[in-house]
Amino acid sequence: MSAKKILIIEDQAPMRRNIALLLEMEGFKVVTAENGAVGVETAKKERPDVVICDVMMPEMDGYGVVQSLRAIKEFATTPFIFLTAKGDKSDIRVGMNFGADDYLTKPVIREDLLAAVHARLARAEAVEERLEEAAQSGGGGFNPDFSSPGPLQRELNLTGREADVLLWVAQGKSNADVAAILEMSEKTVKQHMGSVFQKLGVEGRNAATIRALEVLSNRR
């Protein structure tokens, strides 16, 4: 199995080198970019398995990077982790709404960074396996449109809030992520998902995700 490739987009050279060295020592293949604009082009060329990106940068900030990459089909589900000196919940919500999967504050603790990378890789692989299984059983793949929860609400008979929660869960967000994005408690997120499971007749997040992706891909 080949080493996973990680792209680091960070304008501060010492920080960029330190993170790269840390990840290389863990067996990852690392490519780097010194600003957002270069980072987007590097991502297109290198096709990384994970993107770690600073928020505040010249040329193009991290929000611009994640928006640019999420607009490209090949990067629709690539794990994207923000690195920033900012850490309050409003910044986290902004990052998640733009399409980030995780959010780490600088200076980054080694264990936190590695945990985030491994967790996001594992989740991405699990989702990919589920998508392949669904494609094989259903005769086609998914091309979901995550721009609106409307189809989920209409076709799955969900409330507006349930549809909002499922839309983010279908993009691989954790309960904590969804809580931060939608400004609700994790307990409330769990309650909404419990109701979603009941309405869809499924037992867990993976099955609910597949059903949501079917609807959002207009697969019948």
Foldseek 3Di string as FASTA:
>chain_A
DAAFEEEEEAQDVVLQVVVCVLVVVVPHHYDYHNHLVVSLVVCVVPVGQEYEYEADGPPHGPLRNLLVQCVDQSRVQRAYEYEYQDDDLVVLLSVVVSPHQYYAYPPGDSVVVVVSVVVSSVLSVVLVVLQVVCCVVVVHGFDFDLPDLVLVCVVLVAPRVLSQLLSSLLSVHDLVSSCSNVVHDSVVSVVSVVVSCVSVVHDDSSVSSVVSRCRRRVHD
